[in-house]
Protein backbone atom coordinates (compact mmCIF):
# COMPACT_ATOMS: atom_id res chain seq x y z
CA MET A 1 0.11 0.06 0.05
CA GLU A 2 2.66 2.53 0.86
CA GLY A 3 4.68 1.51 -2.17
CA SER A 4 1.79 2.24 -4.39
CA VAL A 5 1.21 5.66 -2.72
CA TYR A 6 4.85 6.38 -3.04
CA ALA A 7 4.52 5.56 -6.76
CA ILE A 8 1.51 7.79 -7.38
CA ASN A 9 3.43 10.77 -5.58
CA LYS A 10 6.59 10.09 -7.46
CA LEU A 11 4.34 10.08 -10.91
CA TYR A 12 2.52 13.28 -9.62
CA LYS A 13 5.64 15.30 -8.94
CA LYS A 14 6.94 14.11 -12.38
CA ASN A 15 4.05 15.42 -14.15
CA ILE A 16 4.29 18.82 -12.46
CA SER A 17 7.95 19.18 -13.44
CA PHE A 18 7.03 18.15 -16.91
CA PHE A 19 4.38 20.67 -17.21
CA ILE A 20 6.57 23.42 -16.04
CA ALA A 21 9.27 22.71 -18.33
CA SER A 22 7.14 22.18 -21.34
CA SER A 23 5.38 25.47 -20.65
CA PHE A 24 8.58 27.10 -20.28
CA ILE A 25 9.93 25.79 -23.61
CA ILE A 26 6.53 26.77 -25.35
CA ILE A 27 6.44 30.26 -24.06
CA LEU A 28 10.11 30.91 -24.86
CA LEU A 29 9.58 29.75 -28.49
CA ASP A 30 6.54 31.95 -28.76
CA LEU A 31 8.43 34.77 -27.64
CA LEU A 32 11.39 34.21 -30.07
CA PHE A 33 8.84 34.02 -33.07
CA ALA A 34 7.05 37.04 -31.95
CA ASN A 35 10.14 39.07 -32.03
CA SER A 36 11.56 37.51 -35.23
CA VAL A 37 11.25 38.67 -38.88
CA LEU A 38 8.71 35.75 -39.47
CA ILE A 39 5.95 37.62 -37.59
CA LYS A 40 6.08 40.38 -40.19
CA GLU A 41 5.85 37.77 -43.12
CA ASN A 42 2.87 35.52 -41.64
CA ASP A 43 1.25 37.87 -39.03
CA GLN A 44 -2.10 36.24 -38.94
CA LEU A 45 -0.95 32.54 -38.91
CA LEU A 46 1.82 33.01 -36.36
CA THR A 47 -0.40 35.12 -34.06
CA LEU A 48 -3.08 32.36 -34.04
CA GLY A 49 -0.38 29.75 -33.48
CA ILE A 50 1.13 31.69 -30.39
CA ALA A 51 -2.46 32.42 -29.24
CA LEU A 52 -3.53 28.91 -29.33
CA ASP A 53 -0.40 28.10 -27.11
CA PHE A 54 -1.26 30.46 -24.46
CA VAL A 55 -4.92 30.02 -24.48
CA VAL A 56 -5.42 26.33 -25.42
CA VAL A 57 -2.27 24.28 -25.28
CA ILE A 58 -0.68 25.34 -21.72
CA PRO A 59 -3.98 25.16 -20.08
CA LEU A 60 -4.92 21.65 -21.66
CA LEU A 61 -1.27 20.58 -20.38
CA LEU A 62 -2.08 21.80 -17.01
CA TYR A 63 -5.36 19.86 -16.87
CA PHE A 64 -4.05 16.50 -18.27
CA LEU A 65 -0.73 16.54 -16.20
CA TRP A 66 -2.03 18.11 -12.96
CA PHE A 67 -5.77 18.70 -12.53
CA ARG A 68 -7.08 15.62 -13.82
CA LYS A 69 -5.01 13.79 -11.14
CA LEU A 70 -6.98 15.76 -8.53
CA ASN A 71 -10.27 14.80 -10.02
CA PHE A 72 -11.06 18.45 -11.39
CA LYS A 73 -13.22 19.09 -14.24
CA ILE A 74 -11.94 20.50 -17.44
CA ALA A 75 -13.88 23.65 -16.80
CA SER A 76 -11.35 24.45 -14.17
CA ILE A 77 -8.84 25.57 -16.69
CA ILE A 78 -10.85 28.24 -17.94
CA PRO A 79 -9.44 30.91 -15.73
CA PHE A 80 -6.02 29.98 -16.77
CA ALA A 81 -7.30 30.42 -20.36
CA LEU A 82 -7.99 33.97 -19.54
CA ILE A 83 -4.64 34.29 -17.71
CA GLY A 84 -3.06 33.16 -20.80
CA TYR A 85 -4.84 35.80 -22.94
CA LEU A 86 -3.83 38.51 -20.52
CA ALA A 87 -0.17 37.21 -20.85
CA LEU A 88 -0.35 37.14 -24.52
CA ALA A 89 -1.68 40.66 -24.48
CA LEU A 90 1.25 41.90 -22.18
CA PHE A 91 4.17 39.92 -23.12
CA VAL A 92 3.48 39.69 -26.91
CA PRO A 93 2.77 43.06 -28.09
CA ASN A 94 3.27 42.37 -31.77
CA THR A 95 0.40 40.36 -32.48
CA ASP A 96 -2.60 40.56 -34.85
CA GLN A 97 -5.41 42.81 -33.32
CA GLU A 98 -8.01 41.01 -35.42
CA THR A 99 -7.01 37.48 -34.06
CA MET A 100 -6.61 38.91 -30.39
CA ASN A 101 -10.28 40.47 -30.79
CA ALA A 102 -11.57 37.23 -32.09
CA ILE A 103 -10.07 35.15 -29.19
CA LYS A 104 -11.24 37.92 -26.61
CA TYR A 105 -14.87 37.76 -27.79
CA PHE A 106 -14.68 34.02 -27.52
CA LEU A 107 -13.44 34.11 -23.93
CA ILE A 108 -15.35 36.86 -22.47
CA PRO A 109 -18.71 34.69 -22.43
CA LEU A 110 -17.21 31.62 -20.97
CA PRO A 111 -16.71 32.75 -17.07
CA PRO A 112 -20.45 33.83 -16.68
CA PHE A 113 -21.42 30.62 -18.52
CA ILE A 114 -19.25 28.36 -16.13
CA LEU A 115 -20.58 30.45 -13.24
CA ALA A 116 -24.14 29.87 -14.03
CA LEU A 117 -23.51 26.13 -14.39
CA LYS A 118 -21.81 26.08 -11.01
CA ILE A 119 -24.73 27.97 -9.55
CA TYR A 120 -27.04 25.31 -11.09
CA ASP A 121 -25.05 22.45 -9.65
CA ILE A 122 -25.02 24.26 -6.26
CA ALA A 123 -28.97 24.84 -6.43
CA ALA A 124 -29.39 21.06 -7.49
CA ALA A 125 -27.38 19.72 -4.60
CA TYR A 126 -29.20 22.17 -2.33
CA LYS A 127 -32.68 20.87 -3.34
CA ARG A 128 -31.47 17.42 -2.91
CA TYR A 129 -29.93 17.71 0.61
CA LYS A 130 -32.97 19.81 1.60
CA LYS A 131 -34.96 16.66 1.59
CA VAL A 132 -32.68 15.08 4.33
CA ASP A 133 -31.66 18.15 6.45
CA ASN A 134 -34.15 21.12 6.71
CA HIS A 135 -31.55 23.54 8.23
CA PRO A 136 -30.46 26.07 5.55
CA ILE A 137 -27.09 26.61 6.31
CA GLU A 138 -26.10 23.04 7.08
CA THR A 139 -27.79 22.22 3.59
CA LEU A 140 -25.80 24.97 1.86
CA ARG A 141 -22.52 23.67 3.54
CA LYS A 142 -23.01 20.38 2.08
CA SER A 143 -23.99 21.42 -1.35
CA LEU A 144 -20.99 23.97 -1.55
CA GLU A 145 -18.68 21.05 -0.24
CA GLU A 146 -19.95 18.73 -2.95
CA THR A 147 -19.76 21.11 -5.87
CA ILE A 148 -16.79 23.03 -5.01
CA ARG A 149 -13.79 20.87 -4.77
CA HIS A 150 -11.74 23.31 -2.55
CA PRO A 151 -12.69 22.65 0.92
CA LYS A 152 -11.36 26.16 2.22
CA ILE A 153 -13.19 28.11 -0.44
CA ALA A 154 -16.52 26.18 0.20
CA ALA A 155 -16.00 26.94 4.06
CA LEU A 156 -15.40 30.54 3.41
CA LEU A 157 -18.32 30.81 1.13
CA THR A 158 -20.61 29.14 3.44
CA HIS A 159 -19.64 31.61 6.03
CA GLU A 160 -19.94 34.70 4.06
CA LEU A 161 -23.48 33.45 2.66
CA SER A 162 -24.59 32.66 6.17
CA ILE A 163 -23.79 36.24 7.12
CA PHE A 164 -26.19 37.69 4.46
CA TYR A 165 -28.89 34.89 5.19
CA TYR A 166 -28.81 35.64 9.01
CA ALA A 167 -28.55 39.25 8.67
CA LEU A 168 -31.30 39.91 5.93
CA PHE A 169 -33.45 37.01 5.30
CA SER A 170 -33.86 34.97 8.56
CA TRP A 171 -36.18 37.48 10.57
CA LYS A 172 -39.24 35.39 9.83
CA GLU A 173 -37.47 32.07 10.70
CA LYS A 174 -38.39 30.11 13.93
CA PRO A 175 -35.49 28.46 16.06
CA PHE A 176 -33.95 25.31 14.60
CA VAL A 177 -35.25 22.16 16.53
CA ARG A 178 -35.02 18.38 16.12
CA THR A 179 -37.65 15.70 17.00
CA GLY A 180 -36.76 14.16 20.46
CA ALA A 181 -33.98 16.49 21.16
CA ALA A 182 -33.65 19.00 24.15
CA SER A 183 -32.89 22.56 23.34
CA PHE A 184 -30.90 24.87 25.27
CA SER A 185 -30.61 28.64 24.49
CA TYR A 186 -27.48 30.61 25.05
CA HIS A 187 -28.45 34.27 23.84
CA THR A 188 -31.20 35.41 26.69
CA ASN A 189 -28.91 35.84 29.39
CA SER A 190 -25.64 36.71 27.60
CA ASN A 191 -24.48 40.34 26.89
CA LYS A 192 -24.52 39.78 22.98
CA LEU A 193 -27.42 42.10 22.37
CA ILE A 194 -25.90 44.72 24.37
CA THR A 195 -22.50 44.21 22.45
CA LEU A 196 -24.26 44.40 19.10
CA LEU A 197 -26.00 47.66 20.00
CA ILE A 198 -23.00 49.34 21.35
CA PHE A 199 -20.71 48.48 18.39
CA SER A 200 -23.34 49.25 15.98
CA LYS A 201 -23.74 52.54 17.41
CA ILE A 202 -19.96 53.34 17.40
CA LEU A 203 -19.56 52.05 13.92
CA ILE A 204 -22.28 54.18 12.51
CA ILE A 205 -21.40 57.38 14.30
CA GLU A 206 -17.61 57.17 13.80
CA GLY A 207 -17.95 55.79 10.34
CA VAL A 208 -20.06 58.68 9.13
CA CYS A 209 -17.30 61.10 10.57
CA MET A 210 -14.45 59.18 9.05
CA HIS A 211 -16.26 58.96 5.79
CA ILE A 212 -16.65 62.92 5.54
CA LEU A 213 -13.02 63.23 6.72
CA LEU A 214 -11.55 60.66 4.27
CA ALA A 215 -13.86 61.95 1.31
CA GLN A 216 -11.73 65.24 1.31
CA TRP A 217 -8.76 63.11 0.54
CA SER A 218 -10.14 60.03 -1.36
CA HIS A 219 -13.81 59.34 -2.29
CA THR A 220 -12.67 55.49 -3.00
CA ALA A 221 -10.98 55.18 0.34
CA ALA A 222 -14.09 56.69 2.19
CA TRP A 223 -16.46 54.39 0.44
CA LEU A 224 -14.26 51.31 1.23
CA LEU A 225 -14.16 52.20 4.96
CA SER A 226 -17.99 52.68 4.90
CA LEU A 227 -18.56 49.37 3.20
CA GLY A 228 -16.28 47.71 5.69
CA ASN A 229 -18.18 49.21 8.63
CA VAL A 230 -21.58 47.83 6.97
CA TYR A 231 -20.10 44.52 6.70
CA ILE A 232 -19.05 44.32 10.30
CA ILE A 233 -22.33 45.65 11.41
CA MET A 234 -24.00 42.79 9.25
CA LEU A 235 -21.51 40.26 10.67
CA LEU A 236 -22.62 41.25 14.46
CA VAL A 237 -26.41 41.20 13.46
CA ALA A 238 -25.86 37.95 11.64
CA ASP A 239 -24.09 36.33 14.81
CA TYR A 240 -26.71 37.34 17.19
CA ARG A 241 -29.61 36.07 14.76
CA ALA A 242 -27.85 32.88 14.36
CA MET A 243 -27.57 32.50 18.24
CA CYS A 244 -31.40 33.17 18.42
CA LEU A 245 -32.17 30.72 15.89
CA ASN A 246 -29.74 27.77 16.84
CA PRO A 247 -30.08 26.45 20.23
CA ILE A 248 -27.79 23.81 21.49
CA LEU A 249 -29.71 20.47 20.65
CA VAL A 250 -29.04 17.53 22.87
CA SER A 251 -30.37 14.11 21.77
CA ASP A 252 -29.62 10.54 22.56
CA GLN A 253 -26.35 10.23 20.73
CA GLN A 254 -25.61 13.51 19.43
CA ILE A 255 -24.97 17.25 20.65
CA ARG A 256 -25.39 19.79 18.14
CA PHE A 257 -23.93 23.17 19.08
CA GLN A 258 -23.81 26.19 16.94
CA TYR A 259 -22.70 29.22 18.89
CA GLY A 260 -23.88 31.91 16.11
CA ILE A 261 -21.53 32.03 13.36
CA GLN A 262 -18.48 31.58 15.64
CA LEU A 263 -18.72 27.90 16.18
CA TYR A 264 -20.21 24.77 15.06
CA SER A 265 -19.86 20.84 15.71
CA ASP A 266 -21.99 17.91 15.65
CA MET A 267 -20.55 16.02 18.43
CA ASN A 268 -21.15 12.27 19.63
CA ILE A 269 -22.07 11.91 23.25
CA HIS A 270 -19.61 9.14 23.61
CA THR A 271 -16.62 11.56 22.97
CA ILE A 272 -17.66 13.65 26.18
CA SER A 273 -15.44 12.93 29.30
CA SER A 274 -16.85 15.46 31.70
CA ILE A 275 -19.01 18.57 31.71
CA SER A 276 -18.85 20.99 34.55
CA VAL A 277 -20.42 24.38 35.28
CA ILE A 278 -17.36 26.85 35.82
CA LYS A 279 -16.51 30.55 36.61
CA PHE A 280 -14.36 31.17 33.67
CA GLU A 281 -10.65 31.94 34.17
CA LYS A 282 -8.08 33.25 31.68
CA LEU A 283 -6.44 30.36 29.80
CA GLY A 284 -2.55 30.41 29.06
CA LYS A 285 -1.46 29.99 25.28
CA ASP A 286 -0.53 26.26 26.08
CA LYS A 287 -4.11 25.28 26.87
CA MET A 288 -5.57 27.39 24.14
CA LYS A 289 -3.85 25.28 21.44
CA LYS A 290 -6.58 22.49 21.65
CA THR A 291 -9.27 24.62 23.17
CA THR A 292 -12.04 26.61 21.64
CA LYS A 293 -14.28 29.26 23.33
CA VAL A 294 -17.09 31.72 22.34
CA LEU A 295 -16.14 35.42 21.95
CA ASP A 296 -17.74 38.46 23.71
CA THR A 297 -19.33 36.11 26.42
CA GLU A 298 -17.73 34.84 29.67
CA PRO A 299 -18.35 30.94 29.45
CA ASN A 300 -19.97 29.09 32.13
CA VAL A 301 -19.73 25.52 30.70
CA HIS A 302 -16.54 23.50 30.35
CA MET A 303 -16.54 20.25 28.32
CA ILE A 304 -13.54 17.97 28.29
CA LEU A 305 -13.43 15.35 25.50
CA LYS A 306 -11.93 11.91 25.52
CA GLU A 307 -10.56 12.58 21.94
CA GLU A 308 -9.98 15.46 19.60
CA ILE A 309 -13.02 16.46 17.48
CA THR A 310 -13.18 19.11 14.50
CA VAL A 311 -15.04 22.16 14.98
CA ILE A 312 -15.76 24.95 12.46
CA THR A 313 -15.04 28.43 13.64
CA ALA A 314 -15.55 31.79 12.07
CA PHE A 315 -14.66 32.14 8.43
CA GLY A 316 -15.10 28.21 8.00
CA ILE A 317 -11.92 27.63 9.66
CA ARG A 318 -11.68 23.99 11.04
CA GLU A 319 -9.76 23.14 14.26
CA GLN A 320 -9.11 20.08 16.22
CA VAL A 321 -9.94 20.54 19.95
CA ASP A 322 -10.33 18.28 23.00
CA GLN A 323 -11.89 21.02 25.15
CA ILE A 324 -14.87 23.32 24.64
CA TYR A 325 -16.04 26.43 26.60
CA LEU A 326 -19.51 27.52 26.17
CA PHE A 327 -22.12 29.83 27.47
CA VAL A 328 -25.67 28.33 28.38
CA ASP A 329 -28.40 30.23 29.75
CA LYS A 330 -29.28 27.27 31.98
CA PRO A 331 -26.02 25.71 32.67
CA TYR A 332 -27.04 23.22 35.26
CA GLU A 333 -29.92 21.93 33.34
CA PHE A 334 -27.55 21.46 30.40
CA GLN A 335 -25.12 19.56 32.65
CA LYS A 336 -27.76 17.42 34.23
CA LYS A 337 -29.14 16.46 30.66
CA CYS A 338 -25.87 15.76 29.40
CA HIS A 339 -24.87 13.65 32.30
CA GLN A 340 -28.02 11.57 32.10
CA LEU A 341 -27.21 10.54 28.53
CA MET A 342 -23.74 10.01 29.44
CA GLU A 343 -24.82 7.42 32.05
CA VAL A 344 -27.22 5.79 29.52
CA SER A 345 -24.24 5.56 26.79
CA LYS A 346 -22.16 4.03 29.30
CA LYS A 347 -24.72 1.44 30.38
CA ASP A 348 -25.57 0.52 26.71
CA SER A 349 -21.84 0.04 25.98
CA GLU A 350 -21.33 -2.40 28.98
């Protein structure tokens, strides 16, 4: 098994090296032709050949030698075809404009077309997953992970789209619940709403003042600052709305906790070692390496796990943790319920 993996990695590295070497030779030869007397005698023909190298041949080499090994679709090379066209326009100036315009008008419709296809794939996956899981953001997360092959990009998109959903479109929604699961809120007794109101007030008042001052120097910088303030306010609103709509759900086998848009995990009850109600103390850097805690609120529940689990934090970042600090409105009731289920799980395992 290890030998086959080593052979695959060796072949993969060999393909990358071959792609880099062959692309370098193609570009070098094209540049030599573009600056020779031949380009004047055979303007259209040589321009078409050079353009095909930059826009078609090199991207196809990238796909067959690299991307296909990663199970990427051939449409993934379209951005590189556009990059090839830009490189052709910048570094090979002595090219026939008619040929260049023809290539440009062919390439321009491709990105919107590919984007439309990708949106269609996401919508189809969303519709399929919605039959299984009625939570909108979880359904969106699974849909994006299936259709976008880059986990980090899919996670970041999920986070950003969840901000718009919770901030703008969730005001008529009811809290998410599961049949047979006990729910525990964590926003009622926290100071999150006060934090939201204070920061929003500061950002609005100072944002207006800074916009007026910056506009005297640069209108672009002023509007960028204002858009940044609007984004931060939307993030704060979305975080609070997500807290209201996503209580901690404790069922026979699972604990689903989504603390706003800061923290998410679907954890098996078997992985819990202990749950205690605490008065929070500041943690050292050594303990914070494998620990996650909520922001803006002083935690009152400490969970120690038997093994590390994956949690999704802000901006879709995944972390491995073995301790979790949470704030719960009714910490003792939450602790009691978890202890009951842990006892039942322990008896079943025996």
